[in-house]
Amino acid sequence: PTEALCPSVALGYTMWRLGVRPGWSGHGAVRPWDRAD
């Protein structure tokens, strides 16, 4: 619990992609948020 939450959904997605590295892991273009988007 903090006030410093990510201010943008797009930035949150970018940080997730940066950390998880789905391309490096071999996941192709599939992302968990595809259906929500």
Full PDB file with SEQRES, HELIX, SHEET, SSBOND, CRYST1, ORIGX, SCALE, CONECT and MASTER records, all heavy atoms in Angstrom:
SEQRES   1 A   37  PRO THR GLU ALA LEU CYS PRO SER VAL ALA LEU GLY TYR          
SEQRES   2 A   37  THR MET TRP ARG LEU GLY VAL ARG PRO GLY TRP SER GLY          
SEQRES   3 A   37  HIS GLY ALA VAL ARG PRO TRP ASP ARG ALA ASP                  
HELIX    1 AA1 VAL A    9  VAL A   20  1                                  12    
HELIX    2 AA2 PRO A   22  SER A   25  1                                   4    
CRYST1    1.000    1.000    1.000  90.00  90.00  90.00 P 1           1          
ORIGX1      1.000000  0.000000  0.000000        0.00000                         
ORIGX2      0.000000  1.000000  0.000000        0.00000                         
ORIGX3      0.000000  0.000000  1.000000        0.00000                         
SCALE1      1.000000  0.000000  0.000000        0.00000                         
SCALE2      0.000000  1.000000  0.000000        0.00000                         
SCALE3      0.000000  0.000000  1.000000        0.00000                         
ATOM      1  N   PRO A   1       0.831  -1.206   0.000  1.00  0.00           N  
ATOM      2  CA  PRO A   1       0.000   0.000   0.000  1.00  0.00           C  
ATOM      3  C   PRO A   1       0.867   1.257   0.000  1.00  0.00           C  
ATOM      4  O   PRO A   1       1.621   1.499   0.923  1.00  0.00           O  
ATOM      5  CB  PRO A   1      -0.807  -0.124   1.300  1.00  0.00           C  
ATOM      6  CG  PRO A   1      -0.030  -1.069   2.152  1.00  0.00           C  
ATOM      7  CD  PRO A   1       0.766  -1.949   1.229  1.00  0.00           C  
ATOM      8  N   THR A   2       0.790   2.029  -1.045  1.00  0.00           N  
ATOM      9  CA  THR A   2       1.568   3.247  -1.167  1.00  0.00           C  
ATOM     10  C   THR A   2       0.862   4.189  -2.127  1.00  0.00           C  
ATOM     11  O   THR A   2      -0.007   3.789  -2.879  1.00  0.00           O  
ATOM     12  CB  THR A   2       3.001   2.965  -1.686  1.00  0.00           C  
ATOM     13  OG1 THR A   2       3.332   3.860  -2.710  1.00  0.00           O  
ATOM     14  CG2 THR A   2       3.187   1.615  -2.186  1.00  0.00           C  
ATOM     15  N   GLU A   3       1.296   5.398  -2.146  1.00  0.00           N  
ATOM     16  CA  GLU A   3       0.724   6.367  -3.074  1.00  0.00           C  
ATOM     17  C   GLU A   3       1.429   6.343  -4.420  1.00  0.00           C  
ATOM     18  O   GLU A   3       0.966   6.954  -5.360  1.00  0.00           O  
ATOM     19  CB  GLU A   3       0.848   7.770  -2.486  1.00  0.00           C  
ATOM     20  CG  GLU A   3      -0.002   7.970  -1.256  1.00  0.00           C  
ATOM     21  CD  GLU A   3       0.127   9.380  -0.738  1.00  0.00           C  
ATOM     22  OE1 GLU A   3       0.190  10.314  -1.552  1.00  0.00           O  
ATOM     23  OE2 GLU A   3       0.157   9.534   0.482  1.00  0.00           O  
ATOM     24  N   ALA A   4       2.551   5.693  -4.529  1.00  0.00           N  
ATOM     25  CA  ALA A   4       3.366   5.767  -5.740  1.00  0.00           C  
ATOM     26  C   ALA A   4       3.013   4.676  -6.745  1.00  0.00           C  
ATOM     27  O   ALA A   4       3.874   4.036  -7.298  1.00  0.00           O  
ATOM     28  CB  ALA A   4       4.842   5.689  -5.365  1.00  0.00           C  
ATOM     29  N   LEU A   5       1.728   4.454  -6.964  1.00  0.00           N  
ATOM     30  CA  LEU A   5       1.317   3.463  -7.948  1.00  0.00           C  
ATOM     31  C   LEU A   5       1.555   4.000  -9.353  1.00  0.00           C  
ATOM     32  O   LEU A   5       1.558   5.204  -9.583  1.00  0.00           O  
ATOM     33  CB  LEU A   5      -0.156   3.116  -7.770  1.00  0.00           C  
ATOM     34  CG  LEU A   5      -0.494   2.364  -6.485  1.00  0.00           C  
ATOM     35  CD1 LEU A   5      -1.993   2.155  -6.388  1.00  0.00           C  
ATOM     36  CD2 LEU A   5       0.224   1.038  -6.423  1.00  0.00           C  
ATOM     37  N   CYS A   6       1.704   3.095 -10.265  1.00  0.00           N  
ATOM     38  CA  CYS A   6       1.937   3.453 -11.659  1.00  0.00           C  
ATOM     39  C   CYS A   6       0.792   4.324 -12.165  1.00  0.00           C  
ATOM     40  O   CYS A   6      -0.375   3.943 -12.070  1.00  0.00           O  
ATOM     41  CB  CYS A   6       2.070   2.181 -12.480  1.00  0.00           C  
ATOM     42  SG  CYS A   6       2.456   2.493 -14.190  1.00  0.00           S  
ATOM     43  N   PRO A   7       1.102   5.483 -12.731  1.00  0.00           N  
ATOM     44  CA  PRO A   7       0.057   6.417 -13.137  1.00  0.00           C  
ATOM     45  C   PRO A   7      -0.571   6.120 -14.491  1.00  0.00           C  
ATOM     46  O   PRO A   7      -1.448   6.854 -14.940  1.00  0.00           O  
ATOM     47  CB  PRO A   7       0.806   7.752 -13.187  1.00  0.00           C  
ATOM     48  CG  PRO A   7       2.196   7.362 -13.546  1.00  0.00           C  
ATOM     49  CD  PRO A   7       2.437   6.041 -12.867  1.00  0.00           C  
ATOM     50  N   SER A   8      -0.147   5.050 -15.160  1.00  0.00           N  
ATOM     51  CA  SER A   8      -0.632   4.807 -16.514  1.00  0.00           C  
ATOM     52  C   SER A   8      -0.726   3.309 -16.786  1.00  0.00           C  
ATOM     53  O   SER A   8       0.213   2.562 -16.488  1.00  0.00           O  
ATOM     54  CB  SER A   8       0.340   5.464 -17.499  1.00  0.00           C  
ATOM     55  OG  SER A   8       0.277   4.901 -18.770  1.00  0.00           O  
ATOM     56  N   VAL A   9      -1.824   2.890 -17.362  1.00  0.00           N  
ATOM     57  CA  VAL A   9      -1.977   1.486 -17.747  1.00  0.00           C  
ATOM     58  C   VAL A   9      -0.912   1.119 -18.778  1.00  0.00           C  
ATOM     59  O   VAL A   9      -0.274   0.067 -18.690  1.00  0.00           O  
ATOM     60  CB  VAL A   9      -3.399   1.227 -18.301  1.00  0.00           C  
ATOM     61  CG1 VAL A   9      -3.508  -0.164 -18.896  1.00  0.00           C  
ATOM     62  CG2 VAL A   9      -4.430   1.434 -17.207  1.00  0.00           C  
ATOM     63  N   ALA A  10      -0.681   2.001 -19.737  1.00  0.00           N  
ATOM     64  CA  ALA A  10       0.320   1.725 -20.777  1.00  0.00           C  
ATOM     65  C   ALA A  10       1.712   1.568 -20.167  1.00  0.00           C  
ATOM     66  O   ALA A  10       2.476   0.683 -20.568  1.00  0.00           O  
ATOM     67  CB  ALA A  10       0.314   2.834 -21.822  1.00  0.00           C  
ATOM     68  N   LEU A  11       2.054   2.404 -19.190  1.00  0.00           N  
ATOM     69  CA  LEU A  11       3.348   2.278 -18.526  1.00  0.00           C  
ATOM     70  C   LEU A  11       3.415   0.971 -17.738  1.00  0.00           C  
ATOM     71  O   LEU A  11       4.446   0.292 -17.737  1.00  0.00           O  
ATOM     72  CB  LEU A  11       3.611   3.471 -17.609  1.00  0.00           C  
ATOM     73  CG  LEU A  11       4.916   3.427 -16.811  1.00  0.00           C  
ATOM     74  CD1 LEU A  11       6.129   3.344 -17.746  1.00  0.00           C  
ATOM     75  CD2 LEU A  11       5.028   4.632 -15.896  1.00  0.00           C  
ATOM     76  N   GLY A  12       2.321   0.599 -17.090  1.00  0.00           N  
ATOM     77  CA  GLY A  12       2.282  -0.674 -16.378  1.00  0.00           C  
ATOM     78  C   GLY A  12       2.528  -1.843 -17.312  1.00  0.00           C  
ATOM     79  O   GLY A  12       3.290  -2.768 -17.008  1.00  0.00           O  
ATOM     80  N   TYR A  13       1.900  -1.809 -18.479  1.00  0.00           N  
ATOM     81  CA  TYR A  13       2.124  -2.857 -19.478  1.00  0.00           C  
ATOM     82  C   TYR A  13       3.580  -2.861 -19.938  1.00  0.00           C  
ATOM     83  O   TYR A  13       4.189  -3.919 -20.112  1.00  0.00           O  
ATOM     84  CB  TYR A  13       1.230  -2.639 -20.703  1.00  0.00           C  
ATOM     85  CG  TYR A  13      -0.235  -2.920 -20.514  1.00  0.00           C  
ATOM     86  CD1 TYR A  13      -1.126  -2.627 -21.533  1.00  0.00           C  
ATOM     87  CD2 TYR A  13      -0.753  -3.455 -19.343  1.00  0.00           C  
ATOM     88  CE1 TYR A  13      -2.489  -2.874 -21.403  1.00  0.00           C  
ATOM     89  CE2 TYR A  13      -2.112  -3.696 -19.196  1.00  0.00           C  
ATOM     90  CZ  TYR A  13      -2.968  -3.414 -20.232  1.00  0.00           C  
ATOM     91  OH  TYR A  13      -4.299  -3.656 -20.102  1.00  0.00           O  
ATOM     92  N   THR A  14       4.145  -1.689 -20.130  1.00  0.00           N  
ATOM     93  CA  THR A  14       5.537  -1.582 -20.573  1.00  0.00           C  
ATOM     94  C   THR A  14       6.489  -2.160 -19.526  1.00  0.00           C  
ATOM     95  O   THR A  14       7.423  -2.892 -19.872  1.00  0.00           O  
ATOM     96  CB  THR A  14       5.892  -0.107 -20.874  1.00  0.00           C  
ATOM     97  OG1 THR A  14       5.038   0.344 -21.931  1.00  0.00           O  
ATOM     98  CG2 THR A  14       7.338   0.051 -21.270  1.00  0.00           C  
ATOM     99  N   MET A  15       6.257  -1.842 -18.268  1.00  0.00           N  
ATOM    100  CA  MET A  15       7.128  -2.372 -17.204  1.00  0.00           C  
ATOM    101  C   MET A  15       6.986  -3.888 -17.107  1.00  0.00           C  
ATOM    102  O   MET A  15       7.969  -4.595 -16.886  1.00  0.00           O  
ATOM    103  CB  MET A  15       6.816  -1.703 -15.868  1.00  0.00           C  
ATOM    104  CG  MET A  15       7.165  -0.221 -15.833  1.00  0.00           C  
ATOM    105  SD  MET A  15       8.920   0.115 -16.105  1.00  0.00           S  
ATOM    106  CE  MET A  15       9.570  -0.315 -14.490  1.00  0.00           C  
ATOM    107  N   TRP A  16       5.777  -4.418 -17.280  1.00  0.00           N  
ATOM    108  CA  TRP A  16       5.576  -5.865 -17.261  1.00  0.00           C  
ATOM    109  C   TRP A  16       6.351  -6.499 -18.414  1.00  0.00           C  
ATOM    110  O   TRP A  16       7.053  -7.479 -18.236  1.00  0.00           O  
ATOM    111  CB  TRP A  16       4.087  -6.198 -17.341  1.00  0.00           C  
ATOM    112  CG  TRP A  16       3.812  -7.663 -17.217  1.00  0.00           C  
ATOM    113  CD1 TRP A  16       3.583  -8.353 -16.062  1.00  0.00           C  
ATOM    114  CD2 TRP A  16       3.744  -8.628 -18.274  1.00  0.00           C  
ATOM    115  NE1 TRP A  16       3.380  -9.681 -16.340  1.00  0.00           N  
ATOM    116  CE2 TRP A  16       3.476  -9.884 -17.695  1.00  0.00           C  
ATOM    117  CE3 TRP A  16       3.899  -8.556 -19.657  1.00  0.00           C  
ATOM    118  CZ2 TRP A  16       3.349 -11.043 -18.441  1.00  0.00           C  
ATOM    119  CZ3 TRP A  16       3.771  -9.715 -20.403  1.00  0.00           C  
ATOM    120  CH2 TRP A  16       3.502 -10.938 -19.796  1.00  0.00           C  
ATOM    121  N   ARG A  17       6.210  -5.923 -19.623  1.00  0.00           N  
ATOM    122  CA  ARG A  17       6.935  -6.459 -20.794  1.00  0.00           C  
ATOM    123  C   ARG A  17       8.439  -6.401 -20.567  1.00  0.00           C  
ATOM    124  O   ARG A  17       9.162  -7.337 -20.929  1.00  0.00           O  
ATOM    125  CB  ARG A  17       6.580  -5.669 -22.052  1.00  0.00           C  
ATOM    126  CG  ARG A  17       5.329  -6.123 -22.731  1.00  0.00           C  
ATOM    127  CD  ARG A  17       5.184  -5.495 -24.131  1.00  0.00           C  
ATOM    128  NE  ARG A  17       5.210  -4.047 -24.111  1.00  0.00           N  
ATOM    129  CZ  ARG A  17       4.130  -3.278 -24.029  1.00  0.00           C  
ATOM    130  NH1 ARG A  17       2.934  -3.818 -23.973  1.00  0.00           N  
ATOM    131  NH2 ARG A  17       4.238  -1.973 -24.031  1.00  0.00           N  
ATOM    132  N   LEU A  18       8.923  -5.317 -19.983  1.00  0.00           N  
ATOM    133  CA  LEU A  18      10.352  -5.172 -19.725  1.00  0.00           C  
ATOM    134  C   LEU A  18      10.844  -6.236 -18.757  1.00  0.00           C  
ATOM    135  O   LEU A  18      11.886  -6.846 -18.965  1.00  0.00           O  
ATOM    136  CB  LEU A  18      10.641  -3.768 -19.165  1.00  0.00           C  
ATOM    137  CG  LEU A  18      12.089  -3.452 -18.826  1.00  0.00           C  
ATOM    138  CD1 LEU A  18      12.964  -3.518 -20.072  1.00  0.00           C  
ATOM    139  CD2 LEU A  18      12.177  -2.072 -18.196  1.00  0.00           C  
ATOM    140  N   GLY A  19      10.090  -6.486 -17.705  1.00  0.00           N  
ATOM    141  CA  GLY A  19      10.504  -7.478 -16.716  1.00  0.00           C  
ATOM    142  C   GLY A  19      10.341  -8.903 -17.185  1.00  0.00           C  
ATOM    143  O   GLY A  19      11.258  -9.721 -17.084  1.00  0.00           O  
ATOM    144  N   VAL A  20       9.193  -9.234 -17.734  1.00  0.00           N  
ATOM    145  CA  VAL A  20       8.901 -10.621 -18.113  1.00  0.00           C  
ATOM    146  C   VAL A  20       9.573 -10.991 -19.431  1.00  0.00           C  
ATOM    147  O   VAL A  20       9.904 -12.158 -19.650  1.00  0.00           O  
ATOM    148  CB  VAL A  20       7.379 -10.862 -18.157  1.00  0.00           C  
ATOM    149  CG1 VAL A  20       7.038 -12.235 -18.697  1.00  0.00           C  
ATOM    150  CG2 VAL A  20       6.795 -10.691 -16.749  1.00  0.00           C  
ATOM    151  N   ARG A  21       9.807 -10.027 -20.291  1.00  0.00           N  
ATOM    152  CA  ARG A  21      10.486 -10.270 -21.570  1.00  0.00           C  
ATOM    153  C   ARG A  21       9.810 -11.382 -22.371  1.00  0.00           C  
ATOM    154  O   ARG A  21      10.425 -12.397 -22.689  1.00  0.00           O  
ATOM    155  CB  ARG A  21      11.954 -10.609 -21.343  1.00  0.00           C  
ATOM    156  CG  ARG A  21      12.776  -9.616 -20.550  1.00  0.00           C  
ATOM    157  CD  ARG A  21      13.040  -8.349 -21.314  1.00  0.00           C  
ATOM    158  NE  ARG A  21      13.759  -8.589 -22.532  1.00  0.00           N  
ATOM    159  CZ  ARG A  21      15.007  -8.239 -22.729  1.00  0.00           C  
ATOM    160  NH1 ARG A  21      15.666  -7.609 -21.810  1.00  0.00           N  
ATOM    161  NH2 ARG A  21      15.586  -8.493 -23.872  1.00  0.00           N  
ATOM    162  N   PRO A  22       8.530 -11.226 -22.708  1.00  0.00           N  
ATOM    163  CA  PRO A  22       7.822 -12.312 -23.394  1.00  0.00           C  
ATOM    164  C   PRO A  22       8.452 -12.719 -24.724  1.00  0.00           C  
ATOM    165  O   PRO A  22       8.421 -13.892 -25.083  1.00  0.00           O  
ATOM    166  CB  PRO A  22       6.406 -11.778 -23.571  1.00  0.00           C  
ATOM    167  CG  PRO A  22       6.478 -10.331 -23.305  1.00  0.00           C  
ATOM    168  CD  PRO A  22       7.686 -10.066 -22.481  1.00  0.00           C  
ATOM    169  N   GLY A  23       9.042 -11.802 -25.452  1.00  0.00           N  
ATOM    170  CA  GLY A  23       9.717 -12.166 -26.699  1.00  0.00           C  
ATOM    171  C   GLY A  23      10.919 -13.045 -26.443  1.00  0.00           C  
ATOM    172  O   GLY A  23      11.139 -14.062 -27.116  1.00  0.00           O  
ATOM    173  N   TRP A  24      11.719 -12.685 -25.454  1.00  0.00           N  
ATOM    174  CA  TRP A  24      12.898 -13.463 -25.070  1.00  0.00           C  
ATOM    175  C   TRP A  24      12.489 -14.842 -24.574  1.00  0.00           C  
ATOM    176  O   TRP A  24      13.176 -15.831 -24.817  1.00  0.00           O  
ATOM    177  CB  TRP A  24      13.667 -12.706 -23.984  1.00  0.00           C  
ATOM    178  CG  TRP A  24      14.794 -13.460 -23.363  1.00  0.00           C  
ATOM    179  CD1 TRP A  24      16.031 -13.682 -23.914  1.00  0.00           C  
ATOM    180  CD2 TRP A  24      14.817 -14.084 -22.082  1.00  0.00           C  
ATOM    181  NE1 TRP A  24      16.805 -14.405 -23.043  1.00  0.00           N  
ATOM    182  CE2 TRP A  24      16.087 -14.667 -21.906  1.00  0.00           C  
ATOM    183  CE3 TRP A  24      13.886 -14.209 -21.055  1.00  0.00           C  
ATOM    184  CZ2 TRP A  24      16.441 -15.347 -20.761  1.00  0.00           C  
ATOM    185  CZ3 TRP A  24      14.252 -14.884 -19.911  1.00  0.00           C  
ATOM    186  CH2 TRP A  24      15.513 -15.451 -19.782  1.00  0.00           C  
ATOM    187  N   SER A  25      11.334 -14.904 -23.896  1.00  0.00           N  
ATOM    188  CA  SER A  25      10.857 -16.176 -23.349  1.00  0.00           C  
ATOM    189  C   SER A  25      10.182 -17.050 -24.404  1.00  0.00           C  
ATOM    190  O   SER A  25       9.866 -18.197 -24.134  1.00  0.00           O  
ATOM    191  CB  SER A  25       9.862 -15.918 -22.211  1.00  0.00           C  
ATOM    192  OG  SER A  25      10.486 -15.224 -21.158  1.00  0.00           O  
ATOM    193  N   GLY A  26       9.916 -16.510 -25.581  1.00  0.00           N  
ATOM    194  CA  GLY A  26       9.315 -17.292 -26.650  1.00  0.00           C  
ATOM    195  C   GLY A  26       7.798 -17.265 -26.696  1.00  0.00           C  
ATOM    196  O   GLY A  26       7.174 -18.190 -27.190  1.00  0.00           O  
ATOM    197  N   HIS A  27       7.174 -16.193 -26.198  1.00  0.00           N  
ATOM    198  CA  HIS A  27       5.714 -16.124 -26.158  1.00  0.00           C  
ATOM    199  C   HIS A  27       5.098 -15.454 -27.379  1.00  0.00           C  
ATOM    200  O   HIS A  27       3.881 -15.328 -27.455  1.00  0.00           O  
ATOM    201  CB  HIS A  27       5.243 -15.401 -24.893  1.00  0.00           C  
ATOM    202  CG  HIS A  27       5.622 -16.117 -23.662  1.00  0.00           C  
ATOM    203  ND1 HIS A  27       5.058 -17.313 -23.291  1.00  0.00           N  
ATOM    204  CD2 HIS A  27       6.545 -15.830 -22.717  1.00  0.00           C  
ATOM    205  CE1 HIS A  27       5.611 -17.728 -22.171  1.00  0.00           C  
ATOM    206  NE2 HIS A  27       6.510 -16.845 -21.803  1.00  0.00           N  
ATOM    207  N   GLY A  28       5.910 -14.988 -28.284  1.00  0.00           N  
ATOM    208  CA  GLY A  28       5.345 -14.336 -29.462  1.00  0.00           C  
ATOM    209  C   GLY A  28       4.614 -13.064 -29.082  1.00  0.00           C  
ATOM    210  O   GLY A  28       5.034 -12.331 -28.205  1.00  0.00           O  
ATOM    211  N   ALA A  29       3.493 -12.834 -29.729  1.00  0.00           N  
ATOM    212  CA  ALA A  29       2.752 -11.590 -29.535  1.00  0.00           C  
ATOM    213  C   ALA A  29       1.665 -11.693 -28.467  1.00  0.00           C  
ATOM    214  O   ALA A  29       0.983 -10.721 -28.191  1.00  0.00           O  
ATOM    215  CB  ALA A  29       2.124 -11.161 -30.857  1.00  0.00           C  
ATOM    216  N   VAL A  30       1.494 -12.838 -27.834  1.00  0.00           N  
ATOM    217  CA  VAL A  30       0.438 -13.022 -26.838  1.00  0.00           C  
ATOM    218  C   VAL A  30       0.794 -12.273 -25.554  1.00  0.00           C  
ATOM    219  O   VAL A  30       1.909 -12.364 -25.063  1.00  0.00           O  
ATOM    220  CB  VAL A  30       0.242 -14.527 -26.534  1.00  0.00           C  
ATOM    221  CG1 VAL A  30      -0.774 -14.733 -25.433  1.00  0.00           C  
ATOM    222  CG2 VAL A  30      -0.168 -15.260 -27.793  1.00  0.00           C  
ATOM    223  N   ARG A  31      -0.178 -11.535 -25.018  1.00  0.00           N  
ATOM    224  CA  ARG A  31      -0.004 -10.813 -23.764  1.00  0.00           C  
ATOM    225  C   ARG A  31      -1.229 -11.065 -22.894  1.00  0.00           C  
ATOM    226  O   ARG A  31      -2.333 -11.241 -23.409  1.00  0.00           O  
ATOM    227  CB  ARG A  31       0.152  -9.302 -24.000  1.00  0.00           C  
ATOM    228  CG  ARG A  31       1.320  -8.916 -24.873  1.00  0.00           C  
ATOM    229  CD  ARG A  31       2.661  -9.283 -24.233  1.00  0.00           C  
ATOM    230  NE  ARG A  31       3.773  -8.957 -25.093  1.00  0.00           N  
ATOM    231  CZ  ARG A  31       4.354  -9.804 -25.940  1.00  0.00           C  
ATOM    232  NH1 ARG A  31       3.901 -11.023 -26.060  1.00  0.00           N  
ATOM    233  NH2 ARG A  31       5.381  -9.440 -26.661  1.00  0.00           N  
ATOM    234  N   PRO A  32      -1.072 -11.020 -21.565  1.00  0.00           N  
ATOM    235  CA  PRO A  32      -2.213 -11.303 -20.692  1.00  0.00           C  
ATOM    236  C   PRO A  32      -3.361 -10.316 -20.827  1.00  0.00           C  
ATOM    237  O   PRO A  32      -4.496 -10.640 -20.529  1.00  0.00           O  
ATOM    238  CB  PRO A  32      -1.634 -11.253 -19.278  1.00  0.00           C  
ATOM    239  CG  PRO A  32      -0.215 -10.908 -19.393  1.00  0.00           C  
ATOM    240  CD  PRO A  32       0.148 -10.793 -20.837  1.00  0.00           C  
ATOM    241  N   TRP A  33      -3.092  -9.122 -21.265  1.00  0.00           N  
ATOM    242  CA  TRP A  33      -4.131  -8.102 -21.327  1.00  0.00           C  
ATOM    243  C   TRP A  33      -4.828  -8.044 -22.684  1.00  0.00           C  
ATOM    244  O   TRP A  33      -5.708  -7.221 -22.890  1.00  0.00           O  
ATOM    245  CB  TRP A  33      -3.554  -6.722 -21.022  1.00  0.00           C  
ATOM    246  CG  TRP A  33      -2.415  -6.343 -21.897  1.00  0.00           C  
ATOM    247  CD1 TRP A  33      -2.486  -5.846 -23.170  1.00  0.00           C  
ATOM    248  CD2 TRP A  33      -1.036  -6.445 -21.586  1.00  0.00           C  
ATOM    249  NE1 TRP A  33      -1.224  -5.636 -23.650  1.00  0.00           N  
ATOM    250  CE2 TRP A  33      -0.307  -5.987 -22.699  1.00  0.00           C  
ATOM    251  CE3 TRP A  33      -0.339  -6.865 -20.456  1.00  0.00           C  
ATOM    252  CZ2 TRP A  33       1.082  -5.944 -22.729  1.00  0.00           C  
ATOM    253  CZ3 TRP A  33       1.048  -6.831 -20.490  1.00  0.00           C  
ATOM    254  CH2 TRP A  33       1.741  -6.374 -21.610  1.00  0.00           C  
ATOM    255  N   ASP A  34      -4.493  -8.906 -23.607  1.00  0.00           N  
ATOM    256  CA  ASP A  34      -5.080  -8.836 -24.947  1.00  0.00           C  
ATOM    257  C   ASP A  34      -6.602  -8.809 -24.915  1.00  0.00           C  
ATOM    258  O   ASP A  34      -7.229  -8.001 -25.579  1.00  0.00           O  
ATOM    259  CB  ASP A  34      -4.605  -9.996 -25.823  1.00  0.00           C  
ATOM    260  CG  ASP A  34      -3.161  -9.813 -26.272  1.00  0.00           C  
ATOM    261  OD1 ASP A  34      -2.652  -8.681 -26.180  1.00  0.00           O  
ATOM    262  OD2 ASP A  34      -2.549 -10.800 -26.697  1.00  0.00           O  
ATOM    263  N   ARG A  35      -7.240  -9.675 -24.159  1.00  0.00           N  
ATOM    264  CA  ARG A  35      -8.705  -9.705 -24.108  1.00  0.00           C  
ATOM    265  C   ARG A  35      -9.268  -8.461 -23.423  1.00  0.00           C  
ATOM    266  O   ARG A  35     -10.260  -7.913 -23.848  1.00  0.00           O  
ATOM    267  CB  ARG A  35      -9.189 -10.962 -23.398  1.00  0.00           C  
ATOM    268  CG  ARG A  35      -8.951 -12.190 -24.260  1.00  0.00           C  
ATOM    269  CD  ARG A  35      -9.586 -13.424 -23.705  1.00  0.00           C  
ATOM    270  NE  ARG A  35     -11.009 -13.268 -23.556  1.00  0.00           N  
ATOM    271  CZ  ARG A  35     -11.701 -13.807 -22.566  1.00  0.00           C  
ATOM    272  NH1 ARG A  35     -11.105 -14.544 -21.659  1.00  0.00           N  
ATOM    273  NH2 ARG A  35     -12.994 -13.648 -22.475  1.00  0.00           N  
ATOM    274  N   ALA A  36      -8.632  -8.027 -22.349  1.00  0.00           N  
ATOM    275  CA  ALA A  36      -9.113  -6.835 -21.642  1.00  0.00           C  
ATOM    276  C   ALA A  36      -9.011  -5.612 -22.546  1.00  0.00           C  
ATOM    277  O   ALA A  36      -9.905  -4.764 -22.557  1.00  0.00           O  
ATOM    278  CB  ALA A  36      -8.319  -6.615 -20.361  1.00  0.00           C  
ATOM    279  N   ASP A  37      -7.937  -5.517 -23.313  1.00  0.00           N  
ATOM    280  CA  ASP A  37      -7.794  -4.369 -24.207  1.00  0.00           C  
ATOM    281  C   ASP A  37      -8.880  -4.346 -25.270  1.00  0.00           C  
ATOM    282  O   ASP A  37      -9.352  -3.284 -25.655  1.00  0.00           O  
ATOM    283  CB  ASP A  37      -6.414  -4.371 -24.871  1.00  0.00           C  
ATOM    284  CG  ASP A  37      -5.365  -3.718 -23.991  1.00  0.00           C  
ATOM    285  OD1 ASP A  37      -5.722  -3.253 -22.897  1.00  0.00           O  
ATOM    286  OD2 ASP A  37      -4.200  -3.659 -24.403  1.00  0.00           O  
TER     287      ASP A  37                                                      
MASTER        0    0    0    2    0    0    0    6  286    1    0    3          
END                                                                             
